[in-house]
Amino acid sequence: MKKLAVIGASTGQYQLCLKAKEMGVEIYCFAWPQGAVCKDIVDHFIPISIFEMDEIVKRCREIGVEGVVTNASERCAAVQHYVAEQLNLPCTPYMTFQKIQNKDFVREATKGIKGLGKVNVSKGKVVELLESQPRPFVLKPCRGSAKRGVNFISKNTVLEDDIVWSDELFLAEQYISGQEYSVESISWNGHHDVIQITEKVSTGAPHFAEMEHHQPGIISEAAKRKVYSLIPQILTAVGYVNGASHVEIKVDAQDNVYLIEVNPRGGGDFISNTLVGLSTDCDYLKEMIRVALGCYVSRTIHHKAFSGVYFLASQSSRLLPWFEKEESWMYEKYKKDGILVEANSNYDHGGYIIYKSNKRINI
């Protein structure tokens, strides 16, 4: 029986642990006990904080772990690649992973890719960028994910003082009009397989919090061909060699493809844990585990169904009646108690409805 280390024990790793169990893999889960929802479904729960990376390496050596994996969390993914590299197991080198987390590095590394749309970018402190950059533009921290800290800066935008006077470095990026997508991929020893294209619907300016995901995304054949060509080039340019990835892009009315950011992990918000497996014949979680264990085999992926998720927040209160209904296409739904809040990032959702159908569901 193969021995697999899973980094983290939160909801993002729950389906991954269930998949490993289904595969007959012996699971050693490393996480702090508080909030560890995976604790009771794994073979061995080891109560070590994920920030104690060298201690995790030590325990994995003693155990004889043959693969290290996680999902849907960039923080956990960094630990995964650190531990795997120390054990000479399949990974992306830890220093490379850290570079990929820096949006400025990604912009520099990919700016020479032929066919990728050009985005004008400047880097600096917020107060400097507000004074020097023509508006409108998108302001985002050099490091971060899930749309945290992202602001659309129009001529009338006034930011809070703690942002304006922050010592953190930010990017001021040209605002690109178009449809946003994410591209779900698997990388194995530097070879990159595009698995699915997810269409995204967000709140728009100023924070672009994501409210809907749909698979497969509606995209022209011309743009789709470009995406399948460009994504492997992007992942190669930034040095990502092993693992799942979630690359965010925009496509304009002329089918030009623009890079938004590279996330060196499986997509959150049910994209990697649920939607890819519903919409394609790729068992995405199983393939992540196979990469970690060194037994991934590339193959052609086929469409199976339409899948998607709608998120509940004050901006999507129209969804409330659907939580009282039962429909054949409803795969899973959940609603938190309490008052709906405005979604200003991907962490502000008050519930969700996941669907699977032979057609796209619009509600």
Foldseek 3Di string as FASTA:
>chain_A
DAEEEEEAQAPQAQLLQVVCVVVVYQYEYEDAPVRRNNCVSHNHYDHDHLVPLVVVLVVCVVVVHQFYFYFADLSRLLSRQPSCVVVVFQFFHSVLSVLQQFQVSLCVLQVPDPLADDKDKDKDAQLVCVVPPDDFWWKAFRGDDQLPRIFTDHPPDDDDPCRNPPRGMIMTIHDDDAWKWKWKWFAAQLDIDTQAIKTWDAPDHTRRATFKIKTRDDDDPVLVVVCRVVPSVSCVSSRGHGAMKIWMWGAHPVSRIYGDGIRRGGHDPCRQSHQSVQFKVDNNSVQRVCSRNVRHDDDDIDTDWMKMKGFDAPVVCVCVVVVVDDDPFFPDKDAADDDGHDDSGNVRTGMMTMGTHRDDDDD
